[in-house]
N, C-alpha and C. Protein backbone atom coordinates (compact mmCIF):
# COMPACT_ATOMS: atom_id res chain seq x y z
N MET A 1 -21.38 10.87 -7.49
CA MET A 1 -19.93 11.64 -8.03
C MET A 1 -19.97 11.64 -9.46
N PRO A 2 -19.70 12.58 -10.01
CA PRO A 2 -19.51 12.64 -11.67
C PRO A 2 -18.47 11.49 -12.12
N THR A 3 -18.73 10.94 -13.47
CA THR A 3 -17.39 10.14 -14.04
C THR A 3 -17.06 10.77 -15.32
N ARG A 4 -15.77 10.58 -15.57
CA ARG A 4 -15.35 11.36 -16.85
C ARG A 4 -14.55 10.60 -17.45
N LEU A 5 -14.74 10.18 -18.91
CA LEU A 5 -13.99 9.46 -19.54
C LEU A 5 -13.07 9.92 -20.25
N VAL A 6 -11.46 9.60 -19.65
CA VAL A 6 -10.31 10.39 -20.56
C VAL A 6 -9.43 9.25 -21.59
N ILE A 7 -9.52 9.59 -22.82
CA ILE A 7 -8.87 8.89 -23.58
C ILE A 7 -7.82 9.54 -24.09
N GLU A 8 -6.44 8.84 -24.17
CA GLU A 8 -5.44 9.53 -24.65
C GLU A 8 -4.63 8.47 -25.59
N ARG A 9 -3.70 8.93 -26.52
CA ARG A 9 -2.80 8.10 -26.93
C ARG A 9 -1.59 8.55 -26.78
N ALA A 10 -0.84 7.48 -26.22
CA ALA A 10 0.67 7.79 -25.75
C ALA A 10 1.46 6.77 -25.89
N PRO A 11 2.65 6.84 -26.21
CA PRO A 11 3.76 5.73 -26.25
C PRO A 11 3.90 5.28 -24.94
N ASP A 12 3.77 5.88 -24.11
CA ASP A 12 3.79 5.44 -22.65
C ASP A 12 2.84 5.64 -21.60
N PRO A 13 2.15 4.59 -21.74
CA PRO A 13 0.67 4.70 -21.23
C PRO A 13 0.83 4.93 -19.51
N GLY A 14 1.84 4.52 -18.84
CA GLY A 14 2.04 4.48 -17.26
C GLY A 14 2.25 5.99 -17.14
N ALA A 15 2.95 6.80 -17.79
CA ALA A 15 3.29 8.11 -17.64
C ALA A 15 1.95 8.98 -17.96
N ALA A 16 1.37 8.45 -19.01
CA ALA A 16 0.10 9.21 -19.37
C ALA A 16 -0.96 9.10 -18.32
N ILE A 17 -0.99 8.14 -17.50
CA ILE A 17 -1.83 7.91 -16.50
C ILE A 17 -1.67 8.95 -15.50
N CYS A 18 -0.03 9.22 -15.02
CA CYS A 18 0.15 9.77 -13.92
C CYS A 18 -0.02 11.32 -14.43
N ARG A 19 0.22 11.61 -15.72
CA ARG A 19 -0.05 12.95 -16.13
C ARG A 19 -1.46 13.44 -15.69
N THR A 20 -2.26 12.24 -16.33
CA THR A 20 -3.93 12.83 -16.34
C THR A 20 -4.28 12.71 -15.27
N ALA A 21 -3.64 11.81 -13.96
CA ALA A 21 -4.04 12.02 -12.53
C ALA A 21 -3.90 13.46 -12.03
N VAL A 22 -2.61 14.13 -12.45
CA VAL A 22 -2.25 15.50 -12.14
C VAL A 22 -3.19 16.53 -12.84
N SER A 23 -3.55 16.49 -14.06
CA SER A 23 -4.58 17.17 -14.78
C SER A 23 -5.65 17.15 -14.44
N GLU A 24 -6.39 16.23 -14.06
CA GLU A 24 -7.84 16.06 -13.64
C GLU A 24 -7.91 16.23 -11.96
N GLY A 25 -6.94 16.45 -11.34
CA GLY A 25 -6.90 16.51 -9.98
C GLY A 25 -7.43 15.54 -9.19
N ALA A 26 -6.91 14.29 -9.55
CA ALA A 26 -7.32 13.11 -9.08
C ALA A 26 -6.77 12.84 -7.50
N ASP A 27 -7.36 12.14 -6.89
CA ASP A 27 -6.97 12.03 -5.47
C ASP A 27 -6.45 10.53 -5.38
N LEU A 28 -6.87 9.67 -6.22
CA LEU A 28 -6.82 8.18 -6.18
C LEU A 28 -6.67 7.64 -7.57
N ILE A 29 -5.74 6.86 -7.73
CA ILE A 29 -5.53 5.87 -9.07
C ILE A 29 -5.94 4.77 -8.70
N VAL A 30 -6.71 3.94 -9.34
CA VAL A 30 -7.01 2.31 -9.03
C VAL A 30 -6.45 1.57 -10.50
N ILE A 31 -5.82 0.83 -10.24
CA ILE A 31 -5.24 -0.10 -11.42
C ILE A 31 -5.04 -1.50 -11.12
N SER A 32 -5.23 -2.27 -12.37
CA SER A 32 -5.01 -3.88 -12.15
C SER A 32 -3.51 -4.03 -12.07
N THR A 33 -3.28 -5.17 -11.52
CA THR A 33 -1.69 -5.31 -11.18
C THR A 33 -1.24 -6.22 -12.11
N HIS A 34 -2.22 -6.94 -13.12
CA HIS A 34 -1.90 -8.46 -13.76
C HIS A 34 -1.55 -7.78 -15.13
N ALA A 35 -0.50 -8.41 -15.80
CA ALA A 35 -0.30 -8.23 -17.11
C ALA A 35 -1.09 -9.15 -17.79
N ARG A 36 -1.19 -8.84 -19.12
CA ARG A 36 -2.38 -9.41 -20.19
C ARG A 36 -1.44 -10.45 -21.05
N HIS A 37 -0.92 -11.88 -20.38
CA HIS A 37 -0.52 -12.73 -21.05
C HIS A 37 -0.59 -13.94 -20.04
N HIS A 38 0.10 -14.77 -20.65
CA HIS A 38 -0.29 -16.26 -19.85
C HIS A 38 0.45 -16.31 -18.45
N VAL A 39 1.31 -15.42 -18.01
CA VAL A 39 2.20 -15.57 -16.78
C VAL A 39 1.80 -14.31 -15.98
N ALA A 40 0.41 -13.97 -16.00
CA ALA A 40 -0.05 -12.67 -15.49
C ALA A 40 0.25 -12.76 -14.12
N HIS A 41 -0.05 -14.05 -13.53
CA HIS A 41 -0.08 -14.23 -12.18
C HIS A 41 1.27 -14.18 -11.55
N LEU A 42 2.42 -14.19 -12.38
CA LEU A 42 3.60 -14.15 -11.93
C LEU A 42 4.34 -12.90 -11.90
N ILE A 43 4.10 -12.02 -12.80
CA ILE A 43 4.65 -10.68 -13.10
C ILE A 43 3.67 -9.42 -12.87
N ILE A 44 4.08 -8.34 -12.89
CA ILE A 44 3.09 -7.19 -12.71
C ILE A 44 3.24 -6.71 -13.82
N GLY A 45 2.21 -5.90 -14.60
CA GLY A 45 2.35 -5.53 -15.93
C GLY A 45 3.49 -4.12 -15.93
N SER A 46 3.88 -3.85 -17.16
CA SER A 46 4.86 -2.69 -17.17
C SER A 46 4.15 -1.33 -17.02
N THR A 47 3.18 -1.22 -17.31
CA THR A 47 2.19 -0.01 -17.46
C THR A 47 2.00 0.17 -15.88
N THR A 48 1.58 -0.94 -15.34
CA THR A 48 1.16 -0.70 -13.69
C THR A 48 2.43 -0.43 -12.96
N LEU A 49 3.54 -1.16 -13.44
CA LEU A 49 4.95 -0.82 -12.82
C LEU A 49 5.10 0.76 -12.86
N ASP A 50 5.17 1.20 -14.11
CA ASP A 50 5.22 2.64 -14.30
C ASP A 50 4.33 3.52 -13.64
N VAL A 51 3.16 3.18 -13.33
CA VAL A 51 2.20 3.91 -12.57
C VAL A 51 2.56 3.80 -11.13
N LEU A 52 2.85 2.73 -10.57
CA LEU A 52 3.28 2.30 -9.24
C LEU A 52 4.65 2.95 -8.82
N SER A 53 5.29 3.40 -9.83
CA SER A 53 6.47 4.11 -9.77
C SER A 53 6.46 5.31 -9.67
N GLY A 54 5.51 6.06 -10.34
CA GLY A 54 5.50 7.59 -10.63
C GLY A 54 4.30 8.38 -10.31
N ALA A 55 3.34 7.65 -9.62
CA ALA A 55 2.10 8.15 -9.49
C ALA A 55 2.25 9.45 -8.46
N PRO A 56 1.43 10.42 -8.65
CA PRO A 56 1.89 11.48 -7.93
C PRO A 56 0.63 11.48 -6.62
N VAL A 57 -0.20 10.67 -6.74
CA VAL A 57 -1.44 10.29 -5.92
C VAL A 57 -1.20 8.65 -5.21
N PRO A 58 -2.16 8.36 -4.16
CA PRO A 58 -1.85 6.99 -3.62
C PRO A 58 -2.56 6.09 -4.85
N VAL A 59 -2.13 5.08 -5.18
CA VAL A 59 -2.32 4.11 -6.13
C VAL A 59 -3.11 2.79 -5.47
N LEU A 60 -4.19 2.32 -5.82
CA LEU A 60 -5.02 1.23 -5.05
C LEU A 60 -4.64 0.21 -6.13
N ALA A 61 -3.90 -0.81 -6.28
CA ALA A 61 -3.29 -1.72 -6.83
C ALA A 61 -4.38 -3.22 -6.58
N ILE A 62 -5.08 -3.61 -7.49
CA ILE A 62 -6.07 -4.86 -7.27
C ILE A 62 -5.55 -5.79 -8.01
N ARG A 63 -5.11 -6.88 -7.73
CA ARG A 63 -4.83 -8.31 -8.38
C ARG A 63 -5.98 -8.69 -8.90
N TYR A 64 -6.02 -9.26 -10.07
CA TYR A 64 -7.09 -9.85 -10.71
C TYR A 64 -7.29 -11.19 -9.85
N GLY A 65 -8.66 -11.39 -9.60
CA GLY A 65 -9.29 -12.43 -8.91
C GLY A 65 -9.56 -12.31 -7.52
N VAL A 66 -8.98 -11.10 -7.01
CA VAL A 66 -8.95 -10.81 -5.41
C VAL A 66 -10.70 -10.52 -5.10
N ARG A 67 -11.03 -11.29 -4.23
CA ARG A 67 -12.27 -10.95 -3.87
C ARG A 67 -12.69 -9.32 -3.53
N PRO A 68 -13.82 -9.06 -3.93
CA PRO A 68 -14.36 -7.82 -3.71
C PRO A 68 -14.56 -7.47 -2.38
N ARG A 69 -14.05 -6.13 -1.77
CA ARG A 69 -14.42 -5.55 -0.37
C ARG A 69 -15.28 -4.37 -0.52
N LEU A 70 -16.21 -4.50 0.44
CA LEU A 70 -17.32 -3.49 0.59
C LEU A 70 -16.86 -2.14 1.34
N SER A 71 -15.89 -2.59 2.19
CA SER A 71 -15.30 -1.45 3.00
C SER A 71 -13.78 -1.51 3.50
N LEU A 72 -13.47 -0.82 4.07
CA LEU A 72 -12.16 -1.13 4.65
C LEU A 72 -12.10 -1.25 6.12
N GLN A 73 -12.61 -2.30 6.59
CA GLN A 73 -12.62 -2.63 8.26
C GLN A 73 -11.50 -2.94 8.90
N ARG A 74 -10.58 -3.73 8.31
CA ARG A 74 -9.09 -4.05 8.51
C ARG A 74 -8.09 -3.87 7.77
N ILE A 75 -7.21 -2.80 8.19
CA ILE A 75 -6.45 -2.53 7.27
C ILE A 75 -5.00 -3.06 7.92
N LEU A 76 -3.91 -3.37 7.01
CA LEU A 76 -2.60 -3.66 7.60
C LEU A 76 -1.74 -2.60 7.03
N VAL A 77 -0.55 -2.13 7.69
CA VAL A 77 0.48 -1.23 7.40
C VAL A 77 1.53 -1.67 8.15
N PRO A 78 2.19 -2.54 7.08
CA PRO A 78 3.80 -2.72 7.37
C PRO A 78 4.71 -1.54 7.46
N VAL A 79 5.45 -1.64 8.59
CA VAL A 79 6.88 -0.80 8.46
C VAL A 79 8.02 -1.28 8.48
N HIS A 80 9.17 -0.64 8.09
CA HIS A 80 10.53 -1.13 8.23
C HIS A 80 11.07 -0.34 9.51
N LEU A 81 12.25 -0.98 9.96
CA LEU A 81 12.94 -0.21 10.91
C LEU A 81 13.76 1.00 10.37
N LYS A 82 14.26 0.91 9.21
CA LYS A 82 15.05 2.14 8.55
C LYS A 82 13.94 3.12 7.96
N GLN A 83 12.75 2.70 7.98
CA GLN A 83 11.55 3.78 7.39
C GLN A 83 11.56 4.84 8.00
N ARG A 84 11.41 6.05 7.67
CA ARG A 84 11.01 6.90 8.31
C ARG A 84 9.92 7.96 7.85
N SER A 85 9.40 7.32 6.49
CA SER A 85 8.23 7.86 5.84
C SER A 85 6.81 7.27 6.55
N THR A 86 6.11 8.12 6.90
CA THR A 86 4.71 7.78 7.76
C THR A 86 3.62 8.22 6.60
N CYS A 87 3.96 8.51 5.51
CA CYS A 87 2.49 8.70 4.56
C CYS A 87 1.62 7.41 4.38
N ALA A 88 2.11 6.21 4.21
CA ALA A 88 1.18 5.19 4.39
C ALA A 88 0.55 5.15 5.62
N ALA A 89 0.92 5.06 6.79
CA ALA A 89 0.40 5.13 7.88
C ALA A 89 -0.51 6.14 7.95
N SER A 90 -0.17 7.40 7.65
CA SER A 90 -1.15 8.43 7.86
C SER A 90 -2.43 8.66 7.17
N LEU A 91 -2.26 7.87 5.93
CA LEU A 91 -3.75 7.75 4.92
C LEU A 91 -4.39 6.69 5.53
N ALA A 92 -3.92 5.70 6.25
CA ALA A 92 -4.51 4.73 6.83
C ALA A 92 -5.15 4.97 8.13
N ALA A 93 -4.48 5.77 8.71
CA ALA A 93 -5.11 6.32 10.04
C ALA A 93 -6.37 7.29 9.37
N SER A 94 -6.18 8.12 8.43
CA SER A 94 -7.52 8.96 8.27
C SER A 94 -8.61 8.37 7.78
N ILE A 95 -8.50 7.06 6.69
CA ILE A 95 -9.33 6.37 6.54
C ILE A 95 -9.77 5.53 7.57
N ALA A 96 -9.01 5.14 8.45
CA ALA A 96 -9.45 4.25 9.85
C ALA A 96 -10.44 5.13 10.81
N ARG A 97 -10.17 6.63 10.81
CA ARG A 97 -10.83 7.35 11.75
C ARG A 97 -12.44 7.46 11.00
N ARG A 98 -12.42 7.50 9.85
CA ARG A 98 -13.67 7.74 9.02
C ARG A 98 -14.41 6.57 8.94
N GLU A 99 -13.75 5.21 8.87
CA GLU A 99 -14.44 4.06 8.58
C GLU A 99 -14.41 3.04 9.80
N LYS A 100 -13.88 3.85 10.95
CA LYS A 100 -14.01 2.89 12.25
C LYS A 100 -13.38 1.59 12.03
N SER A 101 -12.02 1.56 11.30
CA SER A 101 -11.29 0.47 10.75
C SER A 101 -10.31 0.18 11.83
N GLU A 102 -10.31 -1.21 11.96
CA GLU A 102 -9.10 -1.56 12.63
C GLU A 102 -7.85 -1.69 11.90
N VAL A 103 -6.78 -1.20 12.56
CA VAL A 103 -5.39 -1.15 11.95
C VAL A 103 -4.24 -1.92 12.75
N HIS A 104 -3.80 -2.66 11.76
CA HIS A 104 -2.36 -3.57 12.09
C HIS A 104 -1.32 -3.06 11.71
N LEU A 105 -0.69 -2.53 12.51
CA LEU A 105 0.89 -1.72 12.47
C LEU A 105 1.92 -2.95 12.48
N ILE A 106 2.59 -3.33 11.66
CA ILE A 106 3.51 -4.47 11.45
C ILE A 106 4.86 -4.21 11.38
N ILE A 107 5.64 -4.81 11.73
CA ILE A 107 7.11 -5.05 11.76
C ILE A 107 7.51 -6.27 11.38
N VAL A 108 8.31 -6.86 10.59
CA VAL A 108 9.06 -8.08 10.22
C VAL A 108 10.51 -7.73 10.71
N CYS A 109 10.96 -8.82 11.63
CA CYS A 109 12.26 -8.28 12.19
C CYS A 109 12.81 -9.61 12.75
N GLU A 110 13.98 -9.80 13.26
CA GLU A 110 14.92 -10.72 14.00
C GLU A 110 14.78 -10.58 15.26
N GLU A 111 15.14 -11.56 16.24
CA GLU A 111 15.27 -11.26 17.62
C GLU A 111 15.89 -9.99 18.15
N PRO A 112 17.35 -9.89 17.40
CA PRO A 112 18.20 -8.95 17.88
C PRO A 112 17.57 -7.62 17.61
N GLU A 113 16.60 -7.18 16.87
CA GLU A 113 15.87 -6.02 16.41
C GLU A 113 14.39 -5.87 17.07
N ARG A 114 14.21 -6.74 17.92
CA ARG A 114 12.73 -6.66 18.79
C ARG A 114 12.61 -5.23 19.67
N VAL A 115 13.42 -4.92 20.31
CA VAL A 115 13.42 -3.97 21.10
C VAL A 115 13.12 -2.53 20.32
N ALA A 116 14.12 -2.57 19.20
CA ALA A 116 14.00 -1.27 18.31
C ALA A 116 12.58 -1.46 17.64
N ALA A 117 12.05 -2.63 17.20
CA ALA A 117 10.55 -2.77 16.51
C ALA A 117 9.94 -2.13 17.44
N GLU A 118 9.70 -2.55 18.69
CA GLU A 118 8.70 -2.41 19.95
C GLU A 118 8.51 -0.58 19.87
N SER A 119 9.88 -0.17 19.85
CA SER A 119 9.95 1.40 19.93
C SER A 119 9.51 2.13 19.06
N LEU A 120 9.76 1.41 17.47
CA LEU A 120 9.21 2.29 16.54
C LEU A 120 7.92 2.33 16.35
N LEU A 121 7.16 0.90 16.66
CA LEU A 121 5.85 0.67 16.66
C LEU A 121 4.95 1.58 17.69
N ALA A 122 5.63 1.89 18.85
CA ALA A 122 5.02 2.88 20.19
C ALA A 122 5.19 4.16 19.26
N GLU A 123 6.36 4.56 18.69
CA GLU A 123 6.42 5.92 18.35
C GLU A 123 5.46 5.99 17.11
N ILE A 124 5.07 5.48 16.29
CA ILE A 124 4.38 5.53 15.25
C ILE A 124 2.64 5.53 15.89
N GLY A 125 2.47 4.72 16.65
CA GLY A 125 1.18 4.72 17.36
C GLY A 125 0.91 5.80 18.17
N LYS A 126 1.89 6.43 18.67
CA LYS A 126 1.64 7.67 19.49
C LYS A 126 1.65 8.89 18.69
N GLY A 127 2.34 8.78 17.46
CA GLY A 127 2.06 9.93 16.85
C GLY A 127 1.03 9.94 15.81
N VAL A 128 1.25 8.92 14.71
CA VAL A 128 0.28 8.79 13.62
C VAL A 128 -1.22 8.38 14.01
N PHE A 129 -1.21 7.45 15.08
CA PHE A 129 -2.41 6.71 15.22
C PHE A 129 -2.80 7.20 16.78
N LYS A 130 -2.46 8.43 17.15
CA LYS A 130 -2.56 8.95 18.50
C LYS A 130 -4.08 8.95 18.81
N ASP A 131 -5.12 9.30 18.31
CA ASP A 131 -6.35 9.17 18.55
C ASP A 131 -7.30 8.02 18.23
N ILE A 132 -6.53 6.82 17.58
CA ILE A 132 -7.16 5.58 17.27
C ILE A 132 -6.09 4.47 17.60
N GLU A 133 -7.07 3.30 17.97
CA GLU A 133 -6.11 2.13 18.36
C GLU A 133 -5.37 1.53 16.91
N ALA A 134 -4.19 1.50 17.10
CA ALA A 134 -3.46 0.77 16.14
C ALA A 134 -2.76 -0.55 16.49
N LYS A 135 -3.36 -1.82 16.38
CA LYS A 135 -2.57 -2.99 17.19
C LYS A 135 -1.26 -3.25 16.52
N PRO A 136 -0.07 -3.12 17.55
CA PRO A 136 1.15 -3.48 17.12
C PRO A 136 1.40 -4.74 16.86
N ILE A 137 1.95 -5.22 15.64
CA ILE A 137 2.28 -6.85 15.39
C ILE A 137 3.83 -6.85 15.21
N ILE A 138 4.23 -7.82 15.67
CA ILE A 138 5.99 -7.79 15.58
C ILE A 138 6.04 -9.61 15.11
N LEU A 139 6.34 -9.71 13.80
CA LEU A 139 6.40 -10.68 13.04
C LEU A 139 8.03 -11.20 13.15
N MET A 140 8.46 -12.24 13.42
CA MET A 140 9.79 -12.68 13.54
C MET A 140 10.24 -13.50 12.52
N GLY A 141 11.08 -13.02 11.85
CA GLY A 141 11.66 -13.84 10.70
C GLY A 141 12.69 -12.97 9.54
N LYS A 142 13.21 -13.62 8.66
CA LYS A 142 14.27 -12.86 7.76
C LYS A 142 13.34 -12.49 6.48
N ASP A 143 12.82 -13.39 6.03
CA ASP A 143 11.91 -13.17 4.84
C ASP A 143 10.75 -12.34 4.81
N ILE A 144 10.74 -11.00 4.74
CA ILE A 144 9.64 -10.19 5.01
C ILE A 144 8.55 -10.31 4.10
N ASP A 145 8.70 -10.51 2.83
CA ASP A 145 7.69 -10.62 2.03
C ASP A 145 6.68 -11.70 2.51
N ALA A 146 7.45 -12.83 2.60
CA ALA A 146 6.96 -14.33 3.10
C ALA A 146 5.86 -13.98 4.40
N GLU A 147 6.81 -13.28 5.16
CA GLU A 147 6.10 -13.25 6.64
C GLU A 147 4.85 -12.19 6.42
N LEU A 148 5.14 -11.13 5.77
CA LEU A 148 3.85 -10.29 5.56
C LEU A 148 2.88 -10.91 4.91
N VAL A 149 2.94 -12.01 3.75
CA VAL A 149 1.97 -12.22 2.85
C VAL A 149 1.29 -13.28 4.03
N ARG A 150 2.04 -14.22 4.60
CA ARG A 150 1.54 -15.04 5.41
C ARG A 150 0.41 -14.46 6.64
N TYR A 151 0.98 -13.37 7.57
CA TYR A 151 0.09 -12.66 8.27
C TYR A 151 -1.24 -12.01 7.36
N ALA A 152 -0.95 -11.34 6.44
CA ALA A 152 -2.01 -10.87 5.91
C ALA A 152 -3.37 -11.81 5.37
N ARG A 153 -2.64 -13.18 4.83
CA ARG A 153 -3.69 -14.05 4.63
C ARG A 153 -4.59 -14.52 5.81
N GLY A 154 -3.86 -14.60 6.79
CA GLY A 154 -4.35 -15.06 8.34
C GLY A 154 -5.16 -13.69 8.84
N ALA A 155 -5.10 -12.48 8.57
CA ALA A 155 -5.64 -11.48 9.19
C ALA A 155 -6.83 -11.11 8.50
N ASP A 156 -7.17 -11.68 7.34
CA ASP A 156 -8.55 -11.33 6.50
C ASP A 156 -8.91 -10.13 6.62
N ALA A 157 -7.66 -9.39 6.04
CA ALA A 157 -7.82 -7.80 6.07
C ALA A 157 -8.24 -7.52 4.73
N ASP A 158 -8.88 -6.32 4.49
CA ASP A 158 -9.43 -5.61 3.47
C ASP A 158 -8.35 -4.85 2.64
N ALA A 159 -7.27 -4.42 3.01
CA ALA A 159 -6.11 -3.62 2.40
C ALA A 159 -4.95 -3.54 2.94
N LEU A 160 -4.04 -3.41 2.26
CA LEU A 160 -2.59 -3.29 2.79
C LEU A 160 -2.04 -1.99 2.36
N PHE A 161 -1.62 -1.08 3.15
CA PHE A 161 -1.04 0.20 3.02
C PHE A 161 0.66 0.09 2.77
N LEU A 162 1.14 0.53 1.81
CA LEU A 162 2.61 0.66 1.47
C LEU A 162 3.23 2.21 1.26
N ASN A 163 4.28 2.36 2.02
CA ASN A 163 5.04 3.77 1.47
C ASN A 163 5.61 3.24 0.15
N ALA A 164 5.37 4.18 -0.89
CA ALA A 164 6.06 4.19 -2.12
C ALA A 164 7.09 5.20 -2.23
N ALA A 165 8.37 4.49 -2.60
CA ALA A 165 9.54 5.38 -2.84
C ALA A 165 9.59 6.11 -4.13
N ALA A 166 9.97 7.35 -4.29
CA ALA A 166 9.88 8.09 -5.31
C ALA A 166 10.70 7.48 -6.54
N HIS A 167 9.88 6.94 -7.70
CA HIS A 167 10.33 6.54 -9.15
C HIS A 167 11.28 5.40 -9.13
N GLU A 168 10.69 4.14 -7.94
CA GLU A 168 10.92 2.81 -7.85
C GLU A 168 10.00 2.25 -6.93
N ILE A 169 9.83 0.93 -7.47
CA ILE A 169 8.90 0.14 -6.46
C ILE A 169 9.82 -1.11 -6.34
N SER A 170 10.31 -1.34 -5.17
CA SER A 170 11.19 -2.38 -5.03
C SER A 170 10.74 -3.69 -5.42
N LYS A 171 11.90 -4.61 -5.60
CA LYS A 171 11.46 -5.92 -5.64
C LYS A 171 10.60 -6.75 -4.56
N LEU A 172 10.88 -6.20 -3.36
CA LEU A 172 10.26 -6.60 -2.25
C LEU A 172 8.82 -6.37 -2.38
N LYS A 173 8.54 -4.76 -2.62
CA LYS A 173 7.04 -4.55 -2.61
C LYS A 173 6.47 -5.13 -3.89
N GLN A 174 7.19 -5.30 -4.90
CA GLN A 174 6.43 -6.02 -5.91
C GLN A 174 6.28 -7.37 -5.66
N GLU A 175 6.76 -8.27 -4.81
CA GLU A 175 6.55 -9.33 -4.39
C GLU A 175 5.25 -9.33 -3.55
N ILE A 176 5.19 -8.45 -2.39
CA ILE A 176 4.12 -8.39 -1.57
C ILE A 176 2.85 -8.23 -2.33
N ILE A 177 2.93 -7.26 -3.64
CA ILE A 177 1.69 -6.96 -4.16
C ILE A 177 1.24 -8.07 -5.01
N ARG A 178 2.08 -8.58 -5.74
CA ARG A 178 1.79 -10.19 -6.19
C ARG A 178 1.10 -10.98 -5.68
N GLN A 179 1.53 -11.18 -4.28
CA GLN A 179 1.00 -12.30 -3.45
C GLN A 179 -0.04 -12.13 -2.64
N VAL A 180 -0.47 -10.98 -1.99
CA VAL A 180 -1.31 -10.92 -1.07
C VAL A 180 -2.85 -11.04 -2.06
N ASP A 181 -3.53 -11.15 -1.07
CA ASP A 181 -5.04 -11.47 -1.65
C ASP A 181 -6.03 -10.47 -1.59
N MET A 182 -5.47 -9.32 -1.38
CA MET A 182 -6.20 -8.15 -0.97
C MET A 182 -5.62 -6.70 -1.73
N PRO A 183 -6.47 -5.80 -2.12
CA PRO A 183 -6.00 -4.48 -2.67
C PRO A 183 -4.79 -4.01 -1.89
N VAL A 184 -3.98 -3.38 -2.46
CA VAL A 184 -2.58 -2.73 -1.97
C VAL A 184 -2.60 -1.37 -2.18
N MET A 185 -2.62 -0.38 -1.50
CA MET A 185 -2.49 1.17 -1.57
C MET A 185 -1.13 1.66 -1.27
N LEU A 186 -0.68 2.12 -2.47
CA LEU A 186 1.01 2.38 -2.44
C LEU A 186 0.58 4.02 -2.54
N VAL A 187 1.46 4.64 -1.28
CA VAL A 187 1.22 5.98 -1.12
C VAL A 187 2.33 6.75 -1.22
N PRO A 188 2.74 7.63 -2.19
CA PRO A 188 3.89 8.24 -2.37
C PRO A 188 4.47 9.27 -1.15
N ALA A 189 5.60 9.34 -1.03
CA ALA A 189 5.99 10.40 -0.03
C ALA A 189 5.80 11.70 -0.11
N GLY A 190 5.39 12.38 0.67
CA GLY A 190 5.37 13.87 0.37
C GLY A 190 3.81 14.09 0.69
N LEU A 191 3.06 13.06 0.46
CA LEU A 191 1.55 13.21 0.51
C LEU A 191 1.09 13.92 1.50
N PRO A 192 0.26 15.19 1.45
CA PRO A 192 -0.30 15.98 2.53
C PRO A 192 -1.13 15.00 3.46
N PRO A 193 -1.17 15.17 4.78
CA PRO A 193 -2.37 14.25 5.36
C PRO A 193 -3.50 14.97 5.22
N LEU A 194 -4.44 13.65 5.18
CA LEU A 194 -5.86 14.40 4.94
C LEU A 194 -6.59 14.60 6.11
N PRO A 195 -7.63 15.73 5.98
CA PRO A 195 -8.20 16.15 7.38
C PRO A 195 -9.13 15.13 7.87
């Protein structure tokens, strides 16, 4: 695959990266999540946040120090009970079909929400993952990011796929991105499904 170096001077690097992705017809943006100062492990850099919030294509966010992956054999896809976007799940399913990956479809909830969680996981499993196996995982708890991070560390996964809301990455998603020991794929809403 050919490589092309694009250099652009811009007062807003995040917006310039997103514009360049459109003008170059990019399918994916890969970006580091750390800022360039002594508290890099505590925050996500402003340019990275701008890209994560405004990207027209999926963004693979990789934290400095995360071990390299040679393939995507185990993919984690968290969903939320109120979430109706399946863009991240659809992209994960497309990749899982090609790579023969194992997919863990995850919801964090409390006991009163268990039945609704089981129903949503079954619905997504029969829809998005109808022709591949997605392992439904229900994690009980209130602290969504802590439960996902704990599960991700124990699962030895190769990537975590998240839906990206337009123009904003929530504090919860920032915490997940900052803490997990694997690349995170943020998938914008409205992404057409891959063949």
